[in-house]
N, C-alpha and C. Protein backbone atom coordinates (compact mmCIF):
# COMPACT_ATOMS: atom_id res chain seq x y z
N UNK A 1 5.17 -8.07 24.49
CA UNK A 1 4.66 -9.27 23.81
C UNK A 1 3.96 -8.72 22.70
N UNK A 2 3.14 -7.86 23.31
CA UNK A 2 2.10 -7.47 21.87
C UNK A 2 2.91 -6.26 20.81
N UNK A 3 3.39 -5.96 21.44
CA UNK A 3 4.52 -5.10 20.11
C UNK A 3 5.12 -6.41 19.18
N UNK A 4 6.04 -7.08 19.87
CA UNK A 4 6.22 -8.10 18.94
C UNK A 4 5.17 -8.73 17.88
N UNK A 5 4.07 -8.99 18.31
CA UNK A 5 3.13 -9.93 17.70
C UNK A 5 2.74 -8.67 16.26
N UNK A 6 2.56 -7.13 16.73
CA UNK A 6 2.31 -6.14 15.91
C UNK A 6 3.35 -6.18 14.83
N UNK A 7 4.48 -6.20 15.12
CA UNK A 7 5.45 -6.09 14.35
C UNK A 7 5.78 -7.43 13.49
N UNK A 8 5.33 -8.33 13.87
CA UNK A 8 5.21 -9.85 13.47
C UNK A 8 4.46 -9.69 11.72
N UNK A 9 3.36 -9.18 12.29
CA UNK A 9 2.14 -9.16 11.75
C UNK A 9 2.72 -8.00 10.78
N UNK A 10 3.02 -6.98 10.78
CA UNK A 10 3.30 -5.44 10.11
C UNK A 10 4.66 -6.27 8.84
N UNK A 11 5.66 -7.35 9.15
CA UNK A 11 6.26 -7.97 8.62
C UNK A 11 5.56 -8.94 7.72
N UNK A 12 4.54 -9.31 8.15
CA UNK A 12 3.93 -10.45 7.29
C UNK A 12 3.65 -9.53 5.90
N UNK A 13 2.82 -8.42 6.34
CA UNK A 13 2.09 -7.90 5.25
C UNK A 13 2.90 -6.81 4.20
N UNK A 14 3.92 -6.75 4.80
CA UNK A 14 5.32 -6.08 3.71
C UNK A 14 5.59 -6.79 2.97
N UNK A 15 5.81 -8.46 3.23
CA UNK A 15 6.03 -9.31 2.58
C UNK A 15 5.49 -9.44 1.31
N UNK A 16 3.64 -10.00 2.04
CA UNK A 16 2.93 -10.48 1.32
C UNK A 16 2.50 -9.39 0.14
N UNK A 17 2.55 -7.83 0.34
CA UNK A 17 2.33 -6.77 -0.28
C UNK A 17 3.56 -7.03 -1.61
N UNK A 18 4.45 -7.00 -0.92
CA UNK A 18 6.04 -6.83 -1.88
C UNK A 18 5.57 -7.90 -2.97
N UNK A 19 5.18 -9.39 -2.75
CA UNK A 19 5.25 -9.92 -3.60
C UNK A 19 4.20 -10.09 -4.76
N UNK A 20 2.97 -9.07 -4.25
CA UNK A 20 1.81 -8.83 -5.07
C UNK A 20 2.08 -7.83 -5.84
N UNK A 21 3.08 -6.69 -5.98
CA UNK A 21 3.78 -5.73 -6.65
C UNK A 21 4.67 -6.35 -7.44
N UNK A 22 5.62 -7.07 -7.16
CA UNK A 22 6.38 -7.87 -8.22
C UNK A 22 5.52 -8.98 -8.80
N UNK A 23 4.40 -9.61 -8.35
CA UNK A 23 3.55 -10.17 -9.80
C UNK A 23 3.33 -9.15 -10.62
N UNK A 24 2.60 -7.98 -10.28
CA UNK A 24 2.35 -6.86 -11.10
C UNK A 24 3.34 -6.33 -12.41
N UNK A 25 4.54 -5.91 -11.68
CA UNK A 25 5.80 -5.56 -12.65
C UNK A 25 5.90 -6.80 -13.42
N UNK A 26 6.10 -8.13 -12.96
CA UNK A 26 6.20 -9.26 -14.19
C UNK A 26 5.48 -9.20 -15.05
N UNK A 27 4.10 -9.16 -15.03
CA UNK A 27 3.51 -9.09 -16.15
C UNK A 27 2.99 -7.74 -16.67
N UNK A 28 3.55 -6.56 -16.43
CA UNK A 28 3.14 -5.37 -17.06
C UNK A 28 2.18 -4.71 -16.78
N UNK A 29 1.58 -5.44 -15.40
CA UNK A 29 0.48 -4.62 -14.82
C UNK A 29 1.09 -3.50 -13.71
N UNK A 30 -0.03 -2.61 -13.42
CA UNK A 30 0.58 -1.47 -12.58
C UNK A 30 -0.44 -1.44 -11.00
N UNK A 31 -0.32 -0.73 -10.16
CA UNK A 31 -1.37 -0.55 -9.11
C UNK A 31 -1.37 0.99 -8.96
N UNK A 32 -2.45 1.40 -8.09
CA UNK A 32 -3.05 2.82 -7.77
C UNK A 32 -1.93 3.20 -6.61
N UNK A 33 -2.39 4.43 -6.52
CA UNK A 33 -1.56 5.31 -5.12
C UNK A 33 -0.05 5.29 -5.58
N UNK A 34 0.67 5.62 -4.99
CA UNK A 34 2.18 5.74 -5.08
C UNK A 34 2.55 4.51 -5.51
N UNK A 35 2.47 3.52 -5.13
CA UNK A 35 3.16 1.83 -6.02
C UNK A 35 3.05 2.51 -7.74
N UNK A 36 1.55 2.84 -8.04
CA UNK A 36 1.19 3.10 -9.27
C UNK A 36 2.00 4.09 -9.81
N UNK A 37 2.19 5.15 -9.18
CA UNK A 37 3.03 6.31 -9.67
C UNK A 37 4.29 5.79 -9.60
N UNK A 38 4.59 5.15 -8.63
CA UNK A 38 6.45 4.68 -8.97
C UNK A 38 6.33 3.75 -10.06
N UNK A 39 5.75 2.94 -10.32
CA UNK A 39 5.74 2.05 -11.51
C UNK A 39 5.90 3.00 -12.88
N UNK A 40 5.17 4.01 -12.89
CA UNK A 40 4.85 4.94 -13.81
C UNK A 40 6.40 5.39 -14.42
N UNK A 41 6.70 6.19 -13.06
CA UNK A 41 8.19 6.51 -13.19
C UNK A 41 9.48 5.76 -13.53
N UNK A 42 8.78 4.66 -13.08
CA UNK A 42 10.29 3.58 -13.02
C UNK A 42 9.98 3.18 -15.20
N UNK A 43 9.03 3.92 -15.56
CA UNK A 43 9.26 3.24 -17.17
C UNK A 43 10.13 4.64 -17.59
N UNK A 44 9.98 5.59 -17.27
CA UNK A 44 10.98 6.87 -17.61
C UNK A 44 11.67 7.12 -17.07
N UNK A 45 12.19 6.38 -15.76
CA UNK A 45 13.32 6.83 -14.86
C UNK A 45 14.64 5.60 -14.88
N UNK A 46 16.05 5.84 -14.68
CA UNK A 46 16.92 4.79 -14.72
C UNK A 46 16.82 4.45 -13.06
N UNK A 47 15.99 4.90 -12.53
CA UNK A 47 15.77 4.79 -10.93
C UNK A 47 15.05 3.41 -10.93
N UNK A 48 15.29 2.60 -9.72
CA UNK A 48 14.43 1.43 -9.46
C UNK A 48 13.24 1.63 -8.90
N UNK A 49 12.49 0.90 -8.88
CA UNK A 49 11.04 1.23 -8.13
C UNK A 49 11.11 1.13 -6.80
N UNK A 50 12.08 0.58 -6.09
CA UNK A 50 12.02 0.60 -4.49
C UNK A 50 12.33 2.32 -4.15
N UNK A 51 13.56 2.81 -5.05
CA UNK A 51 13.78 3.78 -4.52
C UNK A 51 12.63 5.21 -5.11
N UNK A 52 12.15 5.09 -5.89
CA UNK A 52 10.99 5.93 -6.51
C UNK A 52 9.82 5.76 -5.38
N UNK A 53 9.58 4.48 -4.86
CA UNK A 53 8.33 4.37 -4.18
C UNK A 53 8.76 5.30 -2.83
N UNK A 54 10.02 5.02 -2.14
CA UNK A 54 10.47 5.98 -1.58
C UNK A 54 10.26 7.19 -1.32
N UNK A 55 10.70 7.86 -2.35
CA UNK A 55 10.77 9.14 -2.67
C UNK A 55 9.01 10.10 -3.13
N UNK A 56 8.54 8.99 -3.52
CA UNK A 56 7.29 9.57 -3.90
C UNK A 56 6.27 9.59 -2.61
N UNK A 57 6.36 8.87 -1.57
CA UNK A 57 5.40 8.89 -0.77
C UNK A 57 6.06 9.98 0.24
N UNK A 58 7.40 10.21 0.24
CA UNK A 58 7.75 11.43 1.50
C UNK A 58 7.01 12.62 1.71
N UNK A 59 6.33 13.25 0.66
CA UNK A 59 5.26 14.34 0.88
C UNK A 59 3.90 13.74 1.76
N UNK A 60 3.99 12.78 1.45
CA UNK A 60 2.38 12.42 2.33
C UNK A 60 2.81 12.36 3.73
N UNK A 61 4.03 12.25 4.20
CA UNK A 61 4.30 12.03 5.55
C UNK A 61 3.83 13.54 6.42
N UNK A 62 4.07 14.76 5.65
CA UNK A 62 3.90 16.17 6.09
C UNK A 62 2.20 15.98 6.48
N UNK A 63 1.22 15.42 5.62
CA UNK A 63 -0.06 15.54 6.22
C UNK A 63 -0.02 14.30 7.47
N UNK A 64 0.59 13.14 7.48
CA UNK A 64 0.46 12.08 8.33
C UNK A 64 0.68 12.99 9.58
N UNK A 65 2.04 13.46 9.67
CA UNK A 65 2.82 13.82 10.89
C UNK A 65 1.89 14.80 11.76
N UNK A 66 1.05 15.52 10.94
CA UNK A 66 0.04 16.70 11.38
C UNK A 66 -1.36 16.08 12.12
N UNK A 67 -1.57 15.05 11.13
CA UNK A 67 -3.16 14.97 11.33
C UNK A 67 -3.02 13.41 11.69
N UNK A 68 -1.85 12.42 11.76
CA UNK A 68 -2.29 11.15 12.28
C UNK A 68 -1.48 10.69 13.70
N UNK A 69 -0.43 11.85 13.67
CA UNK A 69 0.38 11.64 15.04
C UNK A 69 1.66 11.15 14.51
N UNK A 70 2.57 11.63 15.60
CA UNK A 70 4.18 11.23 15.07
C UNK A 70 4.13 9.50 15.30
N UNK A 71 3.98 9.01 16.23
CA UNK A 71 4.49 7.54 16.13
C UNK A 71 3.72 6.96 14.97
N UNK A 72 2.75 6.93 14.52
CA UNK A 72 1.96 6.88 13.36
C UNK A 72 2.73 6.87 12.26
N UNK A 73 3.29 7.96 12.17
CA UNK A 73 4.01 8.27 10.79
C UNK A 73 5.33 7.74 10.82
N UNK A 74 6.03 7.53 12.05
CA UNK A 74 7.17 7.06 12.25
C UNK A 74 7.28 5.30 11.75
N UNK A 75 5.94 5.03 12.15
CA UNK A 75 6.00 3.72 12.05
C UNK A 75 5.72 3.13 10.42
N UNK A 76 4.75 4.20 9.67
CA UNK A 76 4.25 4.33 8.24
C UNK A 76 5.84 4.11 7.76
N UNK A 77 6.75 4.92 8.09
CA UNK A 77 8.12 5.81 7.68
C UNK A 77 8.98 4.33 7.50
N UNK A 78 8.63 3.44 8.28
CA UNK A 78 9.81 2.43 8.76
C UNK A 78 9.23 1.25 7.46
N UNK A 79 8.08 1.14 7.64
CA UNK A 79 6.94 0.45 6.37
C UNK A 79 7.57 0.76 5.24
N UNK A 80 7.62 2.08 4.92
CA UNK A 80 7.75 2.33 3.55
C UNK A 80 8.86 2.31 3.12
N UNK A 81 10.22 2.16 4.05
CA UNK A 81 11.46 1.76 3.88
C UNK A 81 11.46 0.18 3.66
N UNK A 82 11.14 -0.44 4.67
CA UNK A 82 10.45 -1.94 4.48
C UNK A 82 10.04 -2.66 3.43
N UNK A 83 9.13 -2.11 2.66
CA UNK A 83 8.57 -2.08 1.38
C UNK A 83 9.57 -2.29 0.11
N UNK A 84 10.47 -1.31 0.58
CA UNK A 84 11.39 -0.57 -0.67
C UNK A 84 12.60 -1.89 -0.90
N UNK A 85 12.65 -1.91 0.37
CA UNK A 85 13.95 -2.92 0.55
C UNK A 85 13.80 -4.35 0.07
N UNK A 86 12.56 -4.89 0.39
CA UNK A 86 12.06 -5.91 -0.15
C UNK A 86 11.74 -6.30 -1.65
N UNK A 87 11.15 -5.16 -1.66
CA UNK A 87 10.72 -5.46 -3.30
C UNK A 87 12.17 -5.20 -4.09
N UNK A 88 13.07 -4.53 -3.51
CA UNK A 88 14.44 -4.85 -4.49
C UNK A 88 15.23 -6.21 -4.03
N UNK A 89 15.07 -6.55 -3.22
CA UNK A 89 15.49 -7.99 -2.72
C UNK A 89 14.94 -8.96 -3.49
N UNK A 90 13.27 -9.21 -3.56
CA UNK A 90 12.80 -9.92 -4.22
C UNK A 90 12.95 -10.09 -5.72
N UNK A 91 13.62 -8.96 -6.48
CA UNK A 91 13.91 -8.78 -7.62
C UNK A 91 15.28 -9.80 -8.11
N UNK A 92 16.19 -9.68 -6.72
CA UNK A 92 17.32 -10.36 -6.87
C UNK A 92 17.25 -11.71 -6.86
N UNK A 93 16.24 -12.55 -6.07
CA UNK A 93 16.24 -13.71 -5.71
C UNK A 93 14.86 -14.84 -6.17
N UNK A 94 13.93 -13.88 -6.88
CA UNK A 94 12.79 -14.75 -7.30
C UNK A 94 13.07 -14.13 -8.76
N UNK A 95 12.80 -15.13 -9.57
CA UNK A 95 12.88 -14.52 -11.25
C UNK A 95 11.23 -14.69 -11.51
N UNK A 96 11.46 -13.62 -12.67
CA UNK A 96 10.27 -13.33 -13.35
C UNK A 96 9.17 -14.75 -13.56
N UNK A 97 8.11 -14.35 -13.01
CA UNK A 97 7.00 -15.40 -13.38
C UNK A 97 6.07 -14.95 -14.40
N UNK A 98 5.90 -16.10 -14.96
CA UNK A 98 4.87 -16.02 -16.23
C UNK A 98 3.43 -16.95 -15.81
N UNK A 99 2.73 -16.18 -15.76
CA UNK A 99 1.18 -16.61 -15.36
C UNK A 99 0.35 -16.06 -16.19
N UNK A 100 -0.82 -16.87 -16.35
CA UNK A 100 -2.08 -16.36 -17.10
C UNK A 100 -2.19 -14.79 -16.77
N UNK A 101 -2.48 -13.59 -17.18
CA UNK A 101 -2.62 -12.11 -17.12
C UNK A 101 -3.96 -12.13 -16.08
N UNK A 102 -5.22 -12.89 -16.14
CA UNK A 102 -6.40 -12.84 -15.22
C UNK A 102 -5.54 -13.28 -14.04
N UNK A 103 -5.20 -14.94 -13.61
CA UNK A 103 -4.68 -15.23 -12.46
C UNK A 103 -3.66 -14.73 -11.97
N UNK A 104 -2.71 -13.58 -12.74
CA UNK A 104 -1.75 -13.02 -12.29
C UNK A 104 -2.31 -11.80 -11.27
N UNK A 105 -3.42 -11.20 -11.98
CA UNK A 105 -4.16 -9.83 -11.42
C UNK A 105 -5.18 -10.24 -10.14
N UNK A 106 -5.93 -11.58 -10.26
CA UNK A 106 -6.45 -11.85 -8.83
C UNK A 106 -5.10 -12.20 -7.61
N UNK A 107 -4.20 -13.21 -8.26
CA UNK A 107 -3.39 -13.32 -7.58
C UNK A 107 -2.68 -12.15 -6.35
N UNK A 108 -2.42 -11.11 -7.25
CA UNK A 108 -1.88 -10.21 -6.59
C UNK A 108 -2.48 -9.17 -5.98
N UNK A 109 -3.83 -9.02 -6.31
CA UNK A 109 -5.16 -8.29 -5.89
C UNK A 109 -5.34 -9.31 -4.21
N UNK A 110 -5.23 -10.30 -3.95
CA UNK A 110 -5.45 -10.95 -2.95
C UNK A 110 -4.39 -10.70 -1.87
N UNK A 111 -2.75 -11.01 -2.61
CA UNK A 111 -1.67 -10.75 -2.15
C UNK A 111 -1.34 -9.09 -1.39
N UNK A 112 -1.90 -8.01 -2.36
CA UNK A 112 -2.05 -6.90 -1.64
C UNK A 112 -2.60 -6.74 -0.91
N UNK A 113 -3.95 -6.89 -0.88
CA UNK A 113 -5.37 -6.78 0.14
C UNK A 113 -5.20 -7.11 1.22
N UNK A 114 -4.64 -8.80 1.23
CA UNK A 114 -4.11 -8.94 2.86
C UNK A 114 -3.08 -8.74 3.36
N UNK A 115 -2.37 -8.36 2.57
CA UNK A 115 -0.70 -7.39 3.26
C UNK A 115 -0.96 -6.30 4.00
N UNK A 116 -1.47 -5.42 2.95
CA UNK A 116 -2.12 -3.55 3.55
C UNK A 116 -2.81 -4.01 4.57
N UNK A 117 -3.93 -5.05 4.62
CA UNK A 117 -4.76 -5.04 5.78
C UNK A 117 -3.92 -5.55 7.18
N UNK A 118 -2.86 -6.37 6.90
CA UNK A 118 -1.99 -6.78 8.05
C UNK A 118 -1.27 -5.42 8.37
N UNK A 119 -0.98 -4.51 7.64
CA UNK A 119 -0.20 -3.40 7.93
C UNK A 119 -0.85 -2.60 8.97
N UNK A 120 -2.02 -2.14 8.04
CA UNK A 120 -3.22 -0.95 8.49
C UNK A 120 -3.58 -1.42 10.05
N UNK A 121 -3.65 -3.19 10.39
CA UNK A 121 -4.38 -3.80 11.26
C UNK A 121 -3.55 -3.58 12.56
N UNK A 122 -2.30 -3.14 12.29
CA UNK A 122 -1.25 -3.25 13.47
C UNK A 122 -0.79 -1.84 13.68
N UNK A 123 -1.06 -1.14 12.96
CA UNK A 123 -0.87 0.39 13.72
C UNK A 123 0.26 1.23 12.57
N UNK A 124 0.08 0.77 11.37
CA UNK A 124 1.27 1.37 10.73
C UNK A 124 0.49 1.37 8.86
N UNK A 125 0.95 1.80 8.09
CA UNK A 125 0.40 1.97 6.58
C UNK A 125 1.31 1.96 5.84
N UNK A 126 1.14 1.84 4.23
CA UNK A 126 2.19 2.05 3.31
C UNK A 126 2.03 3.33 2.62
N UNK A 127 1.97 4.27 3.28
CA UNK A 127 1.89 5.85 2.92
C UNK A 127 1.04 6.01 1.80
N UNK A 128 1.19 7.52 1.31
CA UNK A 128 0.52 7.84 -0.08
C UNK A 128 -0.83 7.67 0.09
N UNK A 129 -1.42 7.16 -0.38
CA UNK A 129 -2.98 7.07 -0.59
C UNK A 129 -3.53 6.17 0.88
N UNK A 130 -2.83 5.26 1.55
CA UNK A 130 -3.60 4.64 2.22
C UNK A 130 -3.70 5.85 3.58
N UNK A 131 -2.84 6.60 3.48
CA UNK A 131 -2.52 7.69 4.65
C UNK A 131 -3.85 8.47 4.59
N UNK A 132 -3.83 8.52 3.36
CA UNK A 132 -5.06 9.96 2.83
C UNK A 132 -6.22 8.84 3.22
N UNK A 133 -6.31 7.77 2.88
CA UNK A 133 -7.77 6.56 2.94
C UNK A 133 -7.94 6.91 4.89
N UNK A 134 -6.93 6.46 5.69
CA UNK A 134 -7.02 6.97 7.29
C UNK A 134 -7.14 8.03 7.46
N UNK A 135 -6.92 9.25 7.08
CA UNK A 135 -7.30 10.54 7.26
C UNK A 135 -8.67 10.67 7.04
N UNK A 136 -9.53 10.08 5.87
CA UNK A 136 -10.46 10.62 5.38
C UNK A 136 -11.70 9.66 6.75
N UNK A 137 -11.10 8.49 7.01
CA UNK A 137 -11.70 7.38 7.68
C UNK A 137 -12.23 8.29 8.91
N UNK A 138 -10.81 8.99 9.34
CA UNK A 138 -10.94 9.40 10.57
C UNK A 138 -11.55 10.89 11.02
N UNK A 139 -11.49 11.40 9.63
CA UNK A 139 -11.99 12.75 9.78
C UNK A 139 -13.58 12.85 9.44
N UNK A 140 -13.76 12.24 8.05
CA UNK A 140 -15.43 12.27 7.60
C UNK A 140 -16.13 10.99 7.85
N UNK A 141 -15.67 9.98 8.16
CA UNK A 141 -15.91 8.42 8.14
C UNK A 141 -16.37 8.02 6.80
N UNK A 142 -15.08 7.92 6.06
CA UNK A 142 -15.70 7.70 4.75
C UNK A 142 -14.85 6.36 4.63
N UNK A 143 -15.41 5.27 4.32
CA UNK A 143 -14.93 3.93 4.30
C UNK A 143 -13.42 4.04 3.24
N UNK A 144 -11.94 3.68 4.05
CA UNK A 144 -11.11 3.58 3.21
C UNK A 144 -10.78 2.64 2.10
N UNK A 145 -11.74 1.69 1.84
CA UNK A 145 -11.56 0.81 0.84
C UNK A 145 -12.08 1.93 -0.31
N UNK A 146 -13.46 2.69 -0.45
CA UNK A 146 -13.89 3.51 -1.16
C UNK A 146 -12.92 4.43 -1.56
N UNK A 147 -12.11 5.12 -0.53
CA UNK A 147 -11.05 5.95 -1.18
C UNK A 147 -10.01 5.10 -1.74
N UNK A 148 -9.52 4.65 -1.52
CA UNK A 148 -8.37 3.37 -2.15
C UNK A 148 -8.95 3.14 -3.50
N UNK A 149 -9.78 2.72 -3.55
CA UNK A 149 -10.76 2.29 -5.14
C UNK A 149 -10.61 3.78 -6.12
N UNK A 150 -11.20 4.53 -5.67
CA UNK A 150 -11.67 5.74 -6.15
C UNK A 150 -10.16 6.34 -7.16
N UNK A 151 -9.38 6.39 -5.78
CA UNK A 151 -8.03 7.20 -6.12
C UNK A 151 -7.15 6.24 -7.14
N UNK A 152 -7.08 5.26 -6.84
CA UNK A 152 -6.46 4.41 -7.29
C UNK A 152 -6.84 4.30 -8.54
N UNK A 153 -8.18 4.13 -9.11
CA UNK A 153 -8.88 3.70 -10.39
C UNK A 153 -8.35 4.77 -11.22
N UNK A 154 -8.49 6.17 -10.89
CA UNK A 154 -8.21 7.31 -11.28
C UNK A 154 -6.98 7.73 -12.01
N UNK A 155 -5.47 6.97 -10.97
CA UNK A 155 -4.51 6.49 -11.31
C UNK A 155 -4.21 6.03 -12.39
N UNK A 156 -4.80 4.60 -12.44
CA UNK A 156 -4.83 3.60 -13.48
C UNK A 156 -5.11 4.23 -15.03
N UNK A 157 -6.25 4.96 -14.79
CA UNK A 157 -6.45 5.53 -15.87
C UNK A 157 -5.68 6.48 -16.63
N UNK A 158 -4.79 7.06 -15.57
CA UNK A 158 -3.61 8.12 -16.38
C UNK A 158 -2.68 7.27 -17.01
N UNK A 159 -2.32 5.95 -16.71
CA UNK A 159 -1.29 5.33 -17.05
C UNK A 159 -1.75 4.41 -18.00
N UNK A 160 -3.00 4.79 -18.78
CA UNK A 160 -3.35 4.00 -20.02
C UNK A 160 -2.52 3.87 -21.15
N UNK A 161 -1.58 5.28 -21.03
CA UNK A 161 -0.72 5.79 -22.32
C UNK A 161 0.55 4.62 -22.43
N UNK A 162 0.65 4.03 -21.09
CA UNK A 162 1.78 3.26 -20.56
C UNK A 162 1.55 1.83 -20.77
N UNK A 163 0.23 1.33 -20.37
CA UNK A 163 0.34 0.17 -20.01
C UNK A 163 -0.87 -0.66 -21.24
N UNK A 164 -1.73 0.23 -21.88
CA UNK A 164 -2.71 -0.02 -22.80
C UNK A 164 -3.79 -0.59 -22.18
N UNK A 165 -4.81 -0.55 -22.64
CA UNK A 165 -6.30 -0.86 -22.23
C UNK A 165 -6.26 -2.33 -21.36
N UNK A 166 -5.58 -2.96 -22.24
CA UNK A 166 -5.96 -4.23 -21.63
C UNK A 166 -5.33 -4.77 -20.15
N UNK A 167 -4.28 -4.44 -20.27
CA UNK A 167 -3.31 -4.34 -19.10
C UNK A 167 -4.11 -3.47 -17.94
N UNK A 168 -4.31 -2.51 -18.40
CA UNK A 168 -5.13 -1.43 -17.54
C UNK A 168 -6.35 -2.39 -16.85
N UNK A 169 -7.27 -2.76 -17.68
CA UNK A 169 -8.15 -3.50 -17.01
C UNK A 169 -7.84 -4.29 -16.25
N UNK A 170 -6.92 -5.34 -16.20
CA UNK A 170 -6.53 -6.53 -15.55
C UNK A 170 -6.10 -5.38 -14.41
N UNK A 171 -5.44 -4.49 -14.20
CA UNK A 171 -5.05 -3.68 -13.19
C UNK A 171 -5.93 -3.01 -12.31
N UNK A 172 -7.18 -2.90 -12.82
CA UNK A 172 -8.09 -2.31 -12.26
C UNK A 172 -8.56 -3.49 -11.57
N UNK A 173 -8.84 -4.69 -12.01
CA UNK A 173 -9.50 -6.05 -11.16
C UNK A 173 -8.76 -5.98 -10.11
N UNK A 174 -7.57 -6.07 -10.22
CA UNK A 174 -6.55 -6.30 -8.87
C UNK A 174 -7.00 -5.13 -7.85
N UNK A 175 -6.48 -3.76 -8.53
CA UNK A 175 -7.20 -2.77 -7.30
C UNK A 175 -8.77 -2.89 -6.80
N UNK A 176 -9.27 -3.60 -7.21
CA UNK A 176 -10.74 -3.77 -6.90
C UNK A 176 -10.98 -5.18 -5.89
N UNK A 177 -10.19 -5.97 -6.12
CA UNK A 177 -9.91 -7.06 -4.80
C UNK A 177 -9.01 -6.49 -3.87
N UNK A 178 -7.98 -6.00 -4.31
CA UNK A 178 -7.38 -5.32 -3.17
C UNK A 178 -8.13 -4.61 -2.18
N UNK A 179 -8.73 -3.77 -2.90
CA UNK A 179 -9.72 -2.71 -2.14
C UNK A 179 -11.25 -3.19 -1.32
N UNK A 180 -11.31 -4.44 -1.75
CA UNK A 180 -12.30 -4.83 -1.29
C UNK A 180 -12.57 -5.51 0.25
N UNK A 181 -10.89 -6.11 0.01
CA UNK A 181 -10.47 -6.57 1.44
C UNK A 181 -10.22 -5.61 2.00
N UNK A 182 -9.39 -4.41 1.72
CA UNK A 182 -8.79 -3.59 2.84
C UNK A 182 -10.27 -3.22 3.20
N UNK A 183 -11.37 -2.90 2.53
CA UNK A 183 -12.33 -1.65 2.76
C UNK A 183 -13.39 -3.07 3.80
N UNK A 184 -13.07 -4.23 3.97
CA UNK A 184 -13.38 -5.35 5.02
C UNK A 184 -12.96 -5.02 6.41
N UNK A 185 -11.48 -4.15 6.40
CA UNK A 185 -10.73 -3.69 7.53
C UNK A 185 -12.01 -2.90 8.73
N UNK A 186 -12.19 -3.76 9.76
CA UNK A 186 -12.95 -2.75 10.42
C UNK A 186 -11.88 -2.02 11.60
N UNK A 187 -11.21 -2.32 11.87
CA UNK A 187 -10.44 -1.98 13.22
C UNK A 187 -9.59 -1.03 12.60
N UNK A 188 -9.73 0.23 13.53
CA UNK A 188 -8.80 1.62 13.60
C UNK A 188 -7.69 1.54 14.22
N UNK A 189 -6.55 1.89 13.36
CA UNK A 189 -5.34 2.05 14.31
C UNK A 189 -5.46 3.15 14.95
N UNK A 190 -5.32 4.22 14.02
CA UNK A 190 -5.81 5.63 14.44
C UNK A 190 -6.82 5.94 15.92
N UNK A 191 -8.11 5.27 15.90
CA UNK A 191 -8.70 5.18 16.58
C UNK A 191 -8.07 4.45 18.23
N UNK A 192 -7.21 3.37 17.86
CA UNK A 192 -6.59 2.78 19.07
C UNK A 192 -5.68 3.72 19.47
N UNK A 193 -4.79 4.37 18.75
CA UNK A 193 -3.77 5.33 19.22
C UNK A 193 -3.75 6.42 20.08
N UNK A 194 -5.64 6.80 19.55
CA UNK A 194 -6.01 8.08 20.42
C UNK A 194 -6.23 7.63 21.77
N UNK A 195 -6.90 6.21 21.89
CA UNK A 195 -7.54 5.94 23.03
C UNK A 195 -6.40 5.73 24.27
N UNK A 196 -5.24 5.11 23.39
CA UNK A 196 -3.68 4.83 24.27
C UNK A 196 -3.34 6.15 24.54
N UNK A 197 -3.45 7.24 23.84
CA UNK A 197 -2.89 8.20 24.10
C UNK A 197 -3.32 9.13 25.12
N UNK A 198 -4.73 9.17 25.37
CA UNK A 198 -5.84 9.22 26.32
C UNK A 198 -5.59 8.60 27.93
N UNK A 199 -5.13 7.12 27.41
CA UNK A 199 -5.26 6.30 28.70
C UNK A 199 -3.86 6.90 29.48
N UNK A 200 -2.73 6.96 28.74
CA UNK A 200 -1.56 7.62 29.28
C UNK A 200 -1.64 9.03 29.68
N UNK A 201 -2.27 10.03 29.03
CA UNK A 201 -2.19 11.26 29.65
C UNK A 201 -2.94 11.47 31.08
N UNK A 202 -3.78 10.20 31.24
CA UNK A 202 -4.74 10.22 32.54
C UNK A 202 -3.92 9.30 33.46
N UNK A 203 -3.10 9.06 33.02
CA UNK A 203 -2.26 7.43 34.03
C UNK A 203 -1.18 8.42 35.06
């Protein structure tokens, strides 16, 4: 039952995050991390966002499998695959939304922040910068919200030439909201898995 509960929360997190990213794309906003990198590449490549997101995240799994464990890496890979497929599906079934830019950035920040927190809180991640954030938290006790905000802001600044200053500012607002929600997340899936492995090794 506990596994089913965690799986359900991860799925909810993936749905919320995918919706948040769709709102960003519909309003020509972008996000940080591998989602932002994928958005930039989507402007320059015929490949879909979901395909690019999956490809961009693959190198980060080398860090994850060495530093964060095999099962966490497999779970994260499944989450990456899930959000790539959901994002593609939402583009097919949900028409482009037309919202006020400020409201769109706030709403997407809330959806992504809550969605990512659900995913992280149940033993998985969305790859890329989230894996880096978890690693920094585990290794150096640096708040993952701070790591995400700093990295994501740097990526947004690099995207200025493509999205413009106004879109970049609203994108940073979205990142700030999402990072604050994620930063309030206290429970560490890495610590929990370490504890479970310790218990299993003594069983």
